[in-house]
Amino acid sequence: MGAHSPVDTDVLVIGAGLAGLVAAAEAADAGRRVMIVDQEPAASLGGQAYWSFGGLFLVDSPEQRRLGIKDSAELALADWFGSADFDRPEDHWPHRWAEAYVDFAAGEKRSWLKDQGVGLFPIVQWAERGGYPVTAGSDGSTNAGHGNSVPRFHVTWGTGPGVLTPFLRRVMRYVEVGRIVLRFRRRVTGLLTDGGAVVGATGEVLEPSAAARGEASSRTVVGTFEVRAGATIVCSGGIGGNHDLVRAQWPAGFGDPPKEMLAGVPASTDGLMLGVAETAGARQINSDRMWHYPEGIVNHSPVWPRHGIRILAGPSSIWLDARGNRLPPPLWPSFDSLGTVRHITSTGYGHSWFLLNQRTIGPEFALSGSEQNPDLTGRSVGLLLKNRLGDGPTESVRTFQEKGVDFLTDPTVEGLVAKMNHLVGEDLIDAAQVAETVRLRDLQVRSGLGKDPQLVAIAGARRYFGDRKMRTVEQHELLDPEAGPLVAVRLQVLTRKSLGGLETDLSSRALDSSGRPIPGLYAAGEAAGFGGGGMHGYRALEGTFLGGCLFSGRAAGRAAGGRG
């Protein structure tokens, strides 16, 4: 095992994901020498952003206006605060970051991304609809409730790689001229300090690895390294791939963490760098705030351990808990992800079910991730028209129906419930109860109007062009024989994002326990809770994770480069 000679650089960036690449490019733009270190091999350059669906939260965009969507910064900020529900003393900087981010999303974000070469799919999607009352209290308090009042989820033309590639291109131009240096297989284990300032990092050199993008790589140590830097930016990501840490920080009120969870991010998203930063004096806040999805399914072709894929479902499926009870309003598909996770895990079980029929799957089931959407990722108009405007499911969804362990079909409720119980190994669900739920629901549909709140919500969704054409099926009886067979999909909790992180000011400077900036230390991306140590509060509005990496990475790079 050998020790490498110390090296010097102006700016050290820890983590080669999207936030790290943006920070590095911005610091290099300011003329600074930059070194990027990452524990993974070069194949994983770009981190989680590569695997993402590429959703971006924008406010009052040209795409929205063309579709008749009336949005504003005022409405978006009300939605954000209604979802965040900031209620802690340490929410000072998260609150400030939320205001700054909404201002960015309603202002220069779109033009800045367009200048980078990022394009957008023209039909804006409606994620996290909420469904809760808008209230004002006699004490002067207000609460706009969780969720997006209007569609704001702009899908990048090219999905996650379409967001990532322009920043990779910027970084590689500087690599070619020697202003940015990339060092892979470098795992930071300590931050160097001098007189209270952070002056670099030390760590372990891991053995070379041929692991493909996202695959777990070796942790065998073959040496050590030390980097001295005028500024150090922590962009190491969150904890979603470390289920032990997820369980240790599991939020109160969510019951016990499930014994089995799926991972929506690679194992390298381990959260260990957050502890390293804390040891150097940085303050981590809101670690119990996290963003997981309830609609995870087992990947039939896994890349990383416990690899799960999220179903992006339209609003029509009946959602049942593990015992076959229908979830209460407004816990319907695409309305309140975290509220649904809390309800499900509080039942004592870690799984739930979608109940629908084959006719519904076509327009209403999509899968998250760049690799599950080859039409959008490959920017193929022809494939997109074939996949999205037909009656049947996309090729990716069809493959999961054929190969995935979670999809079950049967012409009858009784037969389907028997298969559901068999899959989980227990007779948890009573077929007669589910049959009665379906019968009562179909009576509501048959009436042509109905009082069922889910059906009312679906009717509201179909007033929007994007939902009517791409995301919702025309309402019909679940037991309509021409719409069959019946389909059940087992869903598990899918770990994804940390909403808390290292506390930072608006210049992305990491703060100590007394709230003072630590000289030389910055944080961005998920490691900073996407800004301030948790700008989303308790809940996110979707499309804000990639955007949070872009915004906080830009702020950190400019500040560390002397332009902040």
Protein backbone atom coordinates (compact mmCIF):
# COMPACT_ATOMS: atom_id res chain seq x y z
CA MET A 1 0.00 0.00 0.00
CA GLY A 2 1.54 3.29 -1.09
CA ALA A 3 1.11 6.92 -0.12
CA HIS A 4 0.83 9.48 -2.89
CA SER A 5 2.63 12.81 -2.60
CA PRO A 6 0.38 15.69 -1.51
CA VAL A 7 -0.96 17.79 -4.37
CA ASP A 8 -2.27 21.32 -4.43
CA THR A 9 -5.27 22.84 -6.20
CA ASP A 10 -7.39 25.95 -5.87
CA VAL A 11 -10.70 24.10 -5.53
CA LEU A 12 -11.28 20.49 -4.52
CA VAL A 13 -14.67 19.01 -5.42
CA ILE A 14 -15.64 15.80 -3.60
CA GLY A 15 -18.10 13.89 -5.76
CA ALA A 16 -18.41 13.68 -9.54
CA GLY A 17 -22.21 13.79 -9.73
CA LEU A 18 -24.24 16.57 -11.29
CA ALA A 19 -23.74 19.07 -8.45
CA GLY A 20 -20.00 18.40 -8.42
CA LEU A 21 -19.67 18.82 -12.18
CA VAL A 22 -21.60 22.09 -12.13
CA ALA A 23 -19.53 23.40 -9.22
CA ALA A 24 -16.29 22.42 -10.94
CA ALA A 25 -17.27 24.03 -14.22
CA GLU A 26 -18.28 27.27 -12.52
CA ALA A 27 -15.06 27.44 -10.49
CA ALA A 28 -13.01 26.74 -13.62
CA ASP A 29 -14.90 29.48 -15.44
CA ALA A 30 -13.53 31.83 -12.77
CA GLY A 31 -10.00 30.76 -13.67
CA ARG A 32 -9.47 28.41 -10.74
CA ARG A 33 -7.57 25.12 -10.90
CA VAL A 34 -10.01 22.37 -9.90
CA MET A 35 -9.60 18.75 -8.86
CA ILE A 36 -12.61 16.40 -8.73
CA VAL A 37 -12.26 13.22 -6.66
CA ASP A 38 -14.75 10.37 -6.55
CA GLN A 39 -14.70 6.89 -5.01
CA GLU A 40 -16.25 5.28 -8.09
CA PRO A 41 -14.56 4.41 -11.40
CA ALA A 42 -14.79 6.68 -14.43
CA ALA A 43 -17.74 4.69 -15.80
CA SER A 44 -19.99 6.27 -13.16
CA LEU A 45 -19.05 9.88 -13.97
CA GLY A 46 -22.19 11.97 -13.52
CA GLY A 47 -23.62 9.92 -10.67
CA GLN A 48 -27.33 9.49 -10.13
CA ALA A 49 -28.33 12.16 -12.64
CA TYR A 50 -27.57 9.74 -15.47
CA TRP A 51 -30.28 7.36 -14.27
CA SER A 52 -32.93 10.01 -13.70
CA PHE A 53 -36.05 10.78 -15.71
CA GLY A 54 -34.76 14.33 -16.17
CA GLY A 55 -37.65 16.20 -14.57
CA LEU A 56 -37.17 19.91 -13.93
CA PHE A 57 -39.37 22.21 -11.84
CA LEU A 58 -40.07 25.42 -13.76
CA VAL A 59 -42.54 28.20 -13.01
CA ASP A 60 -44.55 30.17 -15.60
CA SER A 61 -42.54 28.68 -18.45
CA PRO A 62 -43.35 29.10 -22.16
CA GLU A 63 -44.26 25.40 -22.20
CA GLN A 64 -46.81 25.96 -19.44
CA ARG A 65 -48.27 29.04 -21.09
CA ARG A 66 -48.68 27.25 -24.43
CA LEU A 67 -50.77 24.63 -22.63
CA GLY A 68 -52.92 27.24 -20.91
CA ILE A 69 -51.38 26.68 -17.48
CA LYS A 70 -51.59 29.78 -15.31
CA ASP A 71 -48.61 29.71 -12.96
CA SER A 72 -46.72 32.34 -11.00
CA ALA A 73 -43.85 32.65 -8.55
CA GLU A 74 -46.39 33.59 -5.86
CA LEU A 75 -48.41 30.41 -6.42
CA ALA A 76 -45.29 28.23 -6.62
CA LEU A 77 -43.88 29.63 -3.39
CA ALA A 78 -47.21 29.07 -1.62
CA ASP A 79 -47.18 25.46 -2.86
CA TRP A 80 -43.57 25.04 -1.76
CA PHE A 81 -44.16 26.33 1.76
CA GLY A 82 -47.37 24.30 2.04
CA SER A 83 -45.36 21.18 1.21
CA ALA A 84 -42.21 22.05 3.17
CA ASP A 85 -44.10 22.90 6.38
CA PHE A 86 -40.96 24.43 7.90
CA ASP A 87 -41.33 24.20 11.69
CA ARG A 88 -37.85 24.01 13.23
CA PRO A 89 -35.37 26.68 14.39
CA GLU A 90 -32.79 25.16 12.04
CA ASP A 91 -35.10 25.82 9.07
CA HIS A 92 -33.81 29.40 8.72
CA TRP A 93 -31.42 28.67 5.84
CA PRO A 94 -33.64 26.02 4.22
CA HIS A 95 -36.41 28.64 4.14
CA ARG A 96 -34.07 31.17 2.52
CA TRP A 97 -32.89 28.61 -0.04
CA ALA A 98 -36.49 27.71 -0.90
CA GLU A 99 -37.27 31.35 -1.66
CA ALA A 100 -34.12 31.68 -3.75
CA TYR A 101 -34.80 28.46 -5.65
CA VAL A 102 -38.38 29.34 -6.57
CA ASP A 103 -37.13 32.73 -7.74
CA PHE A 104 -34.54 30.89 -9.88
CA ALA A 105 -37.17 28.48 -11.27
CA ALA A 106 -39.45 31.39 -12.17
CA GLY A 107 -36.58 33.45 -13.57
CA GLU A 108 -33.30 32.60 -15.25
CA LYS A 109 -33.29 28.82 -14.80
CA ARG A 110 -34.87 27.99 -18.15
CA SER A 111 -32.79 30.44 -20.18
CA TRP A 112 -29.60 29.38 -18.37
CA LEU A 113 -30.29 25.73 -19.15
CA LYS A 114 -31.21 26.55 -22.75
CA ASP A 115 -27.88 28.32 -23.12
CA GLN A 116 -26.22 25.07 -21.95
CA GLY A 117 -28.07 23.13 -24.65
CA VAL A 118 -30.82 21.58 -22.49
CA GLY A 119 -34.12 21.06 -24.33
CA LEU A 120 -37.56 20.29 -22.91
CA PHE A 121 -40.40 17.97 -23.92
CA PRO A 122 -43.35 20.25 -24.79
CA ILE A 123 -46.03 18.61 -22.61
CA VAL A 124 -45.60 19.51 -18.94
CA GLN A 125 -46.40 16.73 -16.46
CA TRP A 126 -48.37 17.08 -13.23
CA ALA A 127 -46.53 15.40 -10.34
CA GLU A 128 -47.33 15.54 -6.62
CA ARG A 129 -50.84 16.99 -6.97
CA GLY A 130 -51.50 17.08 -3.24
CA GLY A 131 -55.24 17.18 -2.71
CA TYR A 132 -55.28 18.84 0.71
CA PRO A 133 -57.31 21.92 1.78
CA VAL A 134 -55.96 25.44 1.41
CA THR A 135 -56.49 27.11 4.79
CA ALA A 136 -55.95 30.33 6.71
CA GLY A 137 -56.10 30.36 10.51
CA SER A 138 -57.59 32.94 12.85
CA ASP A 139 -54.06 33.51 14.18
CA GLY A 140 -52.96 34.77 10.77
CA SER A 141 -51.29 31.52 9.75
CA THR A 142 -51.78 30.15 6.24
CA ASN A 143 -51.21 26.76 4.68
CA ALA A 144 -51.54 26.14 0.95
CA GLY A 145 -51.33 22.39 1.54
CA HIS A 146 -48.94 19.92 -0.04
CA GLY A 147 -48.68 19.60 -3.78
CA ASN A 148 -48.44 21.40 -7.09
CA SER A 149 -51.52 23.47 -7.89
CA VAL A 150 -50.62 23.23 -11.58
CA PRO A 151 -48.35 21.05 -13.75
CA ARG A 152 -44.68 22.08 -13.36
CA PHE A 153 -42.72 18.89 -14.10
CA HIS A 154 -40.80 19.60 -17.32
CA VAL A 155 -39.21 16.45 -18.78
CA THR A 156 -35.81 17.04 -20.36
CA TRP A 157 -35.57 15.99 -23.99
CA GLY A 158 -32.91 13.32 -23.44
CA THR A 159 -33.98 12.62 -19.80
CA GLY A 160 -31.18 12.57 -17.19
CA PRO A 161 -28.34 12.29 -19.72
CA GLY A 162 -29.81 15.32 -21.48
CA VAL A 163 -29.31 17.37 -18.32
CA LEU A 164 -25.92 15.86 -17.53
CA THR A 165 -24.20 16.00 -20.93
CA PRO A 166 -23.84 19.80 -21.26
CA PHE A 167 -22.05 19.99 -17.91
CA LEU A 168 -19.87 16.99 -18.72
CA ARG A 169 -18.94 18.77 -21.92
CA ARG A 170 -17.98 21.92 -20.01
CA VAL A 171 -15.86 19.94 -17.55
CA MET A 172 -14.09 17.92 -20.23
CA ARG A 173 -13.11 21.05 -22.13
CA TYR A 174 -11.26 22.18 -19.01
CA VAL A 175 -9.79 18.70 -18.52
CA GLU A 176 -8.28 18.94 -22.00
CA VAL A 177 -6.44 22.16 -21.13
CA GLY A 178 -5.43 21.04 -17.65
CA ARG A 179 -7.58 23.39 -15.57
CA ILE A 180 -9.72 20.53 -14.21
CA VAL A 181 -8.21 17.22 -13.08
CA LEU A 182 -10.34 14.10 -12.52
CA ARG A 183 -9.22 11.55 -9.94
CA PHE A 184 -11.36 8.43 -9.63
CA ARG A 185 -11.16 5.69 -6.99
CA ARG A 186 -10.40 8.30 -4.32
CA ARG A 187 -12.48 7.90 -1.16
CA VAL A 188 -12.22 10.86 1.19
CA THR A 189 -11.95 9.82 4.84
CA GLY A 190 -10.98 13.12 6.42
CA LEU A 191 -10.92 16.87 5.84
CA LEU A 192 -7.68 18.72 6.55
CA THR A 193 -8.00 21.69 8.89
CA ASP A 194 -5.70 24.52 9.88
CA GLY A 195 -6.72 27.15 12.41
CA GLY A 196 -10.42 26.33 12.04
CA ALA A 197 -10.32 26.44 8.22
CA VAL A 198 -10.68 23.44 5.91
CA VAL A 199 -7.60 23.28 3.68
CA GLY A 200 -8.13 20.05 1.76
CA ALA A 201 -8.80 16.38 2.23
CA THR A 202 -7.12 13.05 2.83
CA GLY A 203 -8.32 9.58 2.04
CA GLU A 204 -7.85 6.15 0.54
CA VAL A 205 -7.02 5.09 -2.99
CA LEU A 206 -9.20 2.15 -4.00
CA GLU A 207 -8.05 -0.55 -6.37
CA PRO A 208 -8.93 -0.12 -10.07
CA SER A 209 -12.38 -1.40 -10.96
CA ALA A 210 -14.00 -2.49 -14.20
CA ALA A 211 -17.49 -2.05 -12.71
CA ALA A 212 -19.95 -0.62 -15.20
CA ARG A 213 -21.99 2.49 -14.46
CA GLY A 214 -24.03 2.02 -11.28
CA GLU A 215 -22.58 -1.37 -10.38
CA ALA A 216 -21.10 -1.88 -6.93
CA SER A 217 -17.32 -1.47 -7.07
CA SER A 218 -14.53 -2.89 -4.92
CA ARG A 219 -13.61 -1.20 -1.64
CA THR A 220 -10.13 -2.73 -1.46
CA VAL A 221 -7.64 -0.02 -0.41
CA VAL A 222 -4.29 0.13 -2.22
CA GLY A 223 -2.94 3.47 -1.02
CA THR A 224 -3.63 6.87 0.49
CA PHE A 225 -3.81 10.40 -0.86
CA GLU A 226 -3.79 14.00 0.32
CA VAL A 227 -4.98 17.12 -1.49
CA ARG A 228 -4.39 20.67 -0.30
CA ALA A 229 -6.95 23.17 -1.55
CA GLY A 230 -7.97 26.77 -1.03
CA ALA A 231 -11.63 25.69 -1.11
CA THR A 232 -13.29 22.29 -0.70
CA ILE A 233 -16.82 21.57 -1.95
CA VAL A 234 -18.66 18.51 -0.65
CA CYS A 235 -20.94 17.11 -3.39
CA SER A 236 -21.02 13.50 -2.25
CA GLY A 237 -24.76 12.86 -2.40
CA GLY A 238 -27.16 11.43 0.16
CA ILE A 239 -27.86 8.17 1.97
CA GLY A 240 -30.41 6.36 -0.24
CA GLY A 241 -28.09 3.47 -1.12
CA ASN A 242 -27.22 2.81 2.53
CA HIS A 243 -30.28 1.15 4.03
CA ASP A 244 -28.64 0.80 7.44
CA LEU A 245 -28.30 4.57 7.58
CA VAL A 246 -31.82 5.08 6.22
CA ARG A 247 -33.17 2.91 9.03
CA ALA A 248 -31.05 4.68 11.65
CA GLN A 249 -32.46 8.06 10.58
CA TRP A 250 -36.01 6.86 9.88
CA PRO A 251 -38.52 9.65 10.65
CA ALA A 252 -40.82 9.56 13.66
CA GLY A 253 -44.48 8.89 12.87
CA PHE A 254 -43.70 6.50 10.01
CA GLY A 255 -43.83 3.30 12.02
CA ASP A 256 -40.85 0.98 11.93
CA PRO A 257 -38.75 1.04 8.75
CA PRO A 258 -39.66 -1.86 6.46
CA LYS A 259 -37.58 -5.01 6.80
CA GLU A 260 -37.23 -5.09 3.03
CA MET A 261 -36.80 -1.99 0.88
CA LEU A 262 -35.74 -1.42 -2.70
CA ALA A 263 -32.94 0.95 -3.64
CA GLY A 264 -33.58 3.64 -6.21
CA VAL A 265 -29.91 4.68 -6.22
CA PRO A 266 -26.58 2.82 -6.45
CA ALA A 267 -24.80 1.47 -3.38
CA SER A 268 -22.19 4.24 -3.69
CA THR A 269 -24.83 6.68 -2.40
CA ASP A 270 -23.75 5.74 1.08
CA GLY A 271 -23.83 9.03 3.05
CA LEU A 272 -20.45 8.40 4.65
CA MET A 273 -18.97 11.74 3.55
CA LEU A 274 -21.58 13.55 5.62
CA GLY A 275 -20.03 12.08 8.75
CA VAL A 276 -16.57 13.11 7.56
CA ALA A 277 -17.75 16.70 7.17
CA GLU A 278 -19.36 16.62 10.61
CA THR A 279 -16.08 15.49 12.14
CA ALA A 280 -14.46 18.58 10.62
CA GLY A 281 -17.04 20.81 12.32
CA ALA A 282 -19.84 21.07 9.74
CA ARG A 283 -23.39 20.85 11.03
CA GLN A 284 -25.80 18.31 9.55
CA ILE A 285 -29.47 19.14 10.07
CA ASN A 286 -32.84 17.56 9.29
CA SER A 287 -31.32 14.11 8.78
CA ASP A 288 -34.71 12.52 9.55
CA ARG A 289 -36.28 14.20 6.52
CA MET A 290 -36.03 11.91 3.54
CA TRP A 291 -37.85 11.26 0.28
CA HIS A 292 -38.78 7.71 -0.60
CA TYR A 293 -41.37 6.40 -3.03
CA PRO A 294 -44.15 3.91 -2.29
CA GLU A 295 -44.41 2.61 -5.89
CA GLY A 296 -41.17 0.62 -6.18
CA ILE A 297 -41.02 -2.62 -8.15
CA VAL A 298 -38.15 -5.11 -8.38
CA ASN A 299 -35.97 -4.50 -11.43
CA HIS A 300 -35.96 -7.64 -13.57
CA SER A 301 -32.44 -6.70 -14.76
CA PRO A 302 -30.77 -5.14 -11.71
CA VAL A 303 -27.63 -3.02 -11.95
CA TRP A 304 -27.03 -2.43 -8.22
CA PRO A 305 -28.11 -4.30 -5.06
CA ARG A 306 -31.87 -4.30 -4.37
CA HIS A 307 -32.34 -2.27 -7.55
CA GLY A 308 -35.90 -0.99 -7.82
CA ILE A 309 -37.78 1.04 -10.41
CA ARG A 310 -40.56 3.48 -9.66
CA ILE A 311 -43.90 3.27 -11.44
CA LEU A 312 -45.04 6.71 -12.56
CA ALA A 313 -48.73 5.95 -12.40
CA GLY A 314 -51.71 7.95 -13.55
CA PRO A 315 -54.46 8.48 -10.96
CA SER A 316 -56.92 5.66 -11.76
CA SER A 317 -55.52 2.56 -10.02
CA ILE A 318 -57.14 1.51 -6.75
CA TRP A 319 -54.43 1.57 -4.08
CA LEU A 320 -54.70 -1.16 -1.45
CA ASP A 321 -52.58 -1.70 1.62
CA ALA A 322 -51.07 -5.07 2.48
CA ARG A 323 -54.37 -6.21 4.05
CA GLY A 324 -56.48 -5.19 1.08
CA ASN A 325 -57.85 -1.96 2.56
CA ARG A 326 -58.23 0.96 0.19
CA LEU A 327 -55.97 3.89 1.05
CA PRO A 328 -57.79 7.03 2.25
CA PRO A 329 -58.07 10.27 0.24
CA PRO A 330 -55.98 11.84 -1.18
CA LEU A 331 -53.51 8.94 -1.21
CA TRP A 332 -53.96 8.12 -4.88
CA PRO A 333 -51.25 7.59 -7.48
CA SER A 334 -49.31 10.82 -8.23
CA PHE A 335 -50.86 12.84 -5.38
CA ASP A 336 -48.74 12.53 -2.22
CA SER A 337 -45.73 10.21 -2.32
CA LEU A 338 -44.42 10.72 1.19
CA GLY A 339 -47.88 10.77 2.78
CA THR A 340 -48.51 7.41 1.14
CA VAL A 341 -45.20 6.01 2.41
CA ARG A 342 -46.10 7.13 5.93
CA HIS A 343 -49.55 5.52 5.73
CA ILE A 344 -48.22 2.23 4.37
CA THR A 345 -45.31 1.85 6.77
CA SER A 346 -47.52 2.77 9.72
CA THR A 347 -49.66 -0.32 8.99
CA GLY A 348 -46.78 -2.56 10.01
CA TYR A 349 -46.16 -3.79 6.47
CA GLY A 350 -43.71 -2.56 3.86
CA HIS A 351 -45.73 -3.31 0.74
CA SER A 352 -48.98 -2.29 -0.91
CA TRP A 353 -50.82 -2.97 -4.18
CA PHE A 354 -52.12 -1.27 -7.29
CA LEU A 355 -55.34 -2.83 -8.54
CA LEU A 356 -56.36 -1.98 -12.11
CA ASN A 357 -56.97 -3.62 -15.49
CA GLN A 358 -55.02 -3.98 -18.70
CA ARG A 359 -56.78 -1.10 -20.44
CA THR A 360 -55.55 1.28 -17.72
CA ILE A 361 -51.90 0.24 -17.93
CA GLY A 362 -51.44 1.61 -21.45
CA PRO A 363 -51.97 5.32 -20.85
CA GLU A 364 -51.35 5.38 -17.10
CA PHE A 365 -48.16 3.39 -16.46
CA ALA A 366 -44.73 4.82 -17.13
CA LEU A 367 -41.45 3.97 -15.46
CA SER A 368 -38.97 6.37 -13.96
CA GLY A 369 -35.39 6.44 -15.19
CA SER A 370 -33.47 7.18 -18.35
CA GLU A 371 -32.97 3.53 -19.25
CA GLN A 372 -36.72 2.82 -19.01
CA ASN A 373 -37.61 5.59 -21.46
CA PRO A 374 -35.52 5.00 -24.60
CA ASP A 375 -37.77 7.22 -26.71
CA LEU A 376 -37.24 10.32 -24.55
CA THR A 377 -33.63 9.45 -23.69
CA GLY A 378 -32.77 8.81 -27.33
CA ARG A 379 -34.74 11.88 -28.47
CA SER A 380 -36.64 9.73 -30.96
CA VAL A 381 -39.88 11.35 -32.11
CA GLY A 382 -40.91 8.24 -34.02
CA LEU A 383 -40.43 5.91 -31.07
CA LEU A 384 -42.15 8.40 -28.78
CA LEU A 385 -45.25 8.54 -30.97
CA LYS A 386 -45.34 4.75 -31.11
CA ASN A 387 -44.87 4.36 -27.34
CA ARG A 388 -46.93 7.19 -25.90
CA LEU A 389 -49.91 7.61 -28.21
CA GLY A 390 -50.91 3.98 -28.67
CA ASP A 391 -53.46 2.09 -26.59
CA GLY A 392 -51.05 -0.43 -25.13
CA PRO A 393 -48.23 -0.09 -22.60
CA THR A 394 -44.74 1.07 -23.54
CA GLU A 395 -42.20 -1.59 -24.40
CA SER A 396 -40.50 -1.11 -21.02
CA VAL A 397 -43.75 -1.58 -19.09
CA ARG A 398 -44.63 -4.62 -21.25
CA THR A 399 -41.26 -6.17 -20.41
CA PHE A 400 -41.91 -5.72 -16.70
CA GLN A 401 -45.31 -7.37 -17.11
CA GLU A 402 -43.60 -10.34 -18.73
CA LYS A 403 -40.45 -10.61 -16.60
CA GLY A 404 -41.14 -8.72 -13.38
CA VAL A 405 -42.06 -10.64 -10.25
CA ASP A 406 -44.50 -7.97 -9.06
CA PHE A 407 -47.08 -8.03 -11.88
CA LEU A 408 -50.01 -10.43 -11.57
CA THR A 409 -53.03 -10.91 -13.84
CA ASP A 410 -56.28 -12.83 -13.63
CA PRO A 411 -59.78 -12.47 -15.12
CA THR A 412 -61.45 -12.53 -11.68
CA VAL A 413 -60.98 -10.75 -8.38
CA GLU A 414 -60.94 -14.05 -6.53
CA GLY A 415 -58.21 -15.51 -8.72
CA LEU A 416 -56.15 -12.34 -8.56
CA VAL A 417 -56.29 -12.11 -4.76
CA ALA A 418 -55.19 -15.73 -4.49
CA LYS A 419 -52.10 -14.88 -6.55
CA MET A 420 -51.45 -11.76 -4.46
CA ASN A 421 -51.50 -13.78 -1.25
CA HIS A 422 -49.29 -16.45 -2.78
CA LEU A 423 -46.68 -13.88 -3.84
CA VAL A 424 -46.23 -12.53 -0.30
CA GLY A 425 -46.50 -15.94 1.33
CA GLU A 426 -49.45 -15.08 3.59
CA ASP A 427 -53.24 -14.95 3.27
CA LEU A 428 -53.37 -11.26 4.16
CA ILE A 429 -56.14 -10.17 1.81
CA ASP A 430 -59.79 -11.25 1.82
CA ALA A 431 -61.08 -11.68 -1.72
CA ALA A 432 -64.68 -10.87 -0.75
CA GLN A 433 -63.63 -7.51 0.71
CA VAL A 434 -61.70 -6.54 -2.43
CA ALA A 435 -64.55 -7.69 -4.65
CA GLU A 436 -66.94 -5.44 -2.73
CA THR A 437 -64.55 -2.48 -3.02
CA VAL A 438 -64.43 -3.00 -6.78
CA ARG A 439 -68.21 -3.40 -7.05
CA LEU A 440 -68.87 -0.16 -5.18
CA ARG A 441 -66.27 1.69 -7.23
CA ASP A 442 -67.79 0.44 -10.49
CA LEU A 443 -71.23 1.57 -9.34
CA GLN A 444 -69.84 5.07 -9.02
CA VAL A 445 -68.38 4.94 -12.54
CA ARG A 446 -71.65 3.59 -13.93
CA SER A 447 -73.55 6.56 -12.57
CA GLY A 448 -71.69 8.91 -14.90
CA LEU A 449 -71.10 11.33 -12.02
CA GLY A 450 -70.41 9.78 -8.63
CA LYS A 451 -69.20 11.00 -5.26
CA ASP A 452 -66.06 8.90 -4.88
CA PRO A 453 -63.27 11.47 -4.30
CA GLN A 454 -60.75 9.59 -6.44
CA LEU A 455 -63.12 9.61 -9.41
CA VAL A 456 -63.78 13.31 -8.83
CA ALA A 457 -60.03 13.94 -8.80
CA ILE A 458 -59.59 11.99 -12.04
CA ALA A 459 -62.30 14.05 -13.70
CA GLY A 460 -60.43 17.17 -12.61
CA ALA A 461 -57.16 15.83 -13.98
CA ARG A 462 -58.73 15.15 -17.37
CA ARG A 463 -59.51 18.84 -17.74
CA TYR A 464 -55.80 19.30 -18.40
CA PHE A 465 -54.64 18.50 -21.93
CA GLY A 466 -51.48 16.65 -20.85
CA ASP A 467 -53.37 14.30 -18.53
CA ARG A 468 -56.21 13.75 -20.96
CA LYS A 469 -53.90 12.83 -23.85
CA MET A 470 -51.05 11.03 -22.10
CA ARG A 471 -51.67 10.19 -18.44
CA THR A 472 -55.28 9.15 -17.77
CA VAL A 473 -57.54 6.51 -19.21
CA GLU A 474 -61.15 7.32 -19.98
CA GLN A 475 -63.11 6.16 -16.96
CA HIS A 476 -64.66 2.73 -17.23
CA GLU A 477 -65.71 -0.09 -14.96
CA LEU A 478 -62.82 -2.09 -13.60
CA LEU A 479 -64.70 -5.34 -14.26
CA ASP A 480 -65.50 -4.46 -17.87
CA PRO A 481 -64.57 -7.75 -19.60
CA GLU A 482 -63.32 -5.87 -22.66
CA ALA A 483 -60.83 -3.95 -20.49
CA GLY A 484 -59.30 -7.01 -18.83
CA PRO A 485 -57.66 -8.95 -17.51
CA LEU A 486 -57.43 -7.55 -14.00
CA VAL A 487 -53.92 -6.58 -12.91
CA ALA A 488 -52.33 -6.33 -9.46
CA VAL A 489 -48.87 -4.87 -8.91
CA ARG A 490 -46.99 -5.36 -5.66
CA LEU A 491 -45.30 -2.15 -4.56
CA GLN A 492 -42.47 -1.70 -2.08
CA VAL A 493 -40.80 1.33 -0.53
CA LEU A 494 -38.06 2.62 -2.82
CA THR A 495 -35.33 4.63 -1.11
CA ARG A 496 -34.23 7.69 -3.04
CA LYS A 497 -33.33 11.12 -1.62
CA SER A 498 -32.08 12.80 1.55
CA LEU A 499 -34.01 16.01 2.23
CA GLY A 500 -31.67 17.06 5.05
CA GLY A 501 -27.93 17.62 4.87
CA LEU A 502 -25.07 19.95 5.68
CA GLU A 503 -26.30 23.39 6.69
CA THR A 504 -25.19 26.10 4.26
CA ASP A 505 -25.79 29.80 3.70
CA LEU A 506 -26.85 31.20 0.32
CA SER A 507 -23.23 31.11 -0.85
CA SER A 508 -23.13 27.36 -0.13
CA ARG A 509 -20.64 27.90 2.70
CA ALA A 510 -20.88 25.09 5.26
CA LEU A 511 -21.82 26.30 8.74
CA ASP A 512 -20.64 25.07 12.11
CA SER A 513 -22.82 24.33 15.13
CA SER A 514 -22.91 28.03 16.07
CA GLY A 515 -24.09 29.03 12.60
CA ARG A 516 -20.76 30.52 11.47
CA PRO A 517 -19.23 29.69 8.07
CA ILE A 518 -16.29 27.31 8.16
CA PRO A 519 -13.56 28.95 6.09
CA GLY A 520 -12.73 26.95 2.99
CA LEU A 521 -15.67 24.50 3.20
CA TYR A 522 -18.72 24.46 0.93
CA ALA A 523 -21.47 21.92 0.22
CA ALA A 524 -23.91 21.43 -2.64
CA GLY A 525 -26.45 19.02 -4.05
CA GLU A 526 -27.99 16.28 -1.94
CA ALA A 527 -25.13 16.51 0.57
CA ALA A 528 -26.51 19.96 1.45
CA GLY A 529 -30.14 18.86 1.34
CA PHE A 530 -29.98 20.52 -2.11
CA GLY A 531 -29.29 23.80 -0.31
CA GLY A 532 -29.24 25.10 3.25
CA GLY A 533 -29.49 21.65 4.79
CA GLY A 534 -33.01 20.95 3.57
CA MET A 535 -34.71 23.45 1.26
CA HIS A 536 -37.60 21.03 0.61
CA GLY A 537 -38.62 20.77 4.25
CA TYR A 538 -40.66 17.64 4.83
CA ARG A 539 -41.91 17.13 1.27
CA ALA A 540 -40.74 17.85 -2.25
CA LEU A 541 -42.74 19.06 -5.25
CA GLU A 542 -40.80 16.88 -7.74
CA GLY A 543 -38.53 18.10 -10.50
CA THR A 544 -36.57 19.87 -7.77
CA PHE A 545 -33.76 17.35 -7.20
CA LEU A 546 -31.82 17.79 -10.45
CA GLY A 547 -32.65 21.48 -10.27
CA GLY A 548 -31.40 21.62 -6.70
CA CYS A 549 -28.09 20.07 -7.78
CA LEU A 550 -27.82 22.63 -10.58
CA PHE A 551 -28.70 25.61 -8.41
CA SER A 552 -26.61 24.75 -5.35
CA GLY A 553 -23.70 23.46 -7.43
CA ARG A 554 -23.66 26.71 -9.37
CA ALA A 555 -23.73 28.76 -6.16
CA ALA A 556 -20.93 26.71 -4.58
CA GLY A 557 -18.71 26.82 -7.65
CA ARG A 558 -19.11 30.54 -8.07
CA ALA A 559 -18.49 31.26 -4.39
CA ALA A 560 -15.47 28.94 -4.15
CA GLY A 561 -14.15 30.42 -7.38
CA GLY A 562 -14.45 33.93 -6.03
CA ARG A 563 -17.49 34.96 -8.08
CA GLY A 564 -20.18 34.43 -5.43
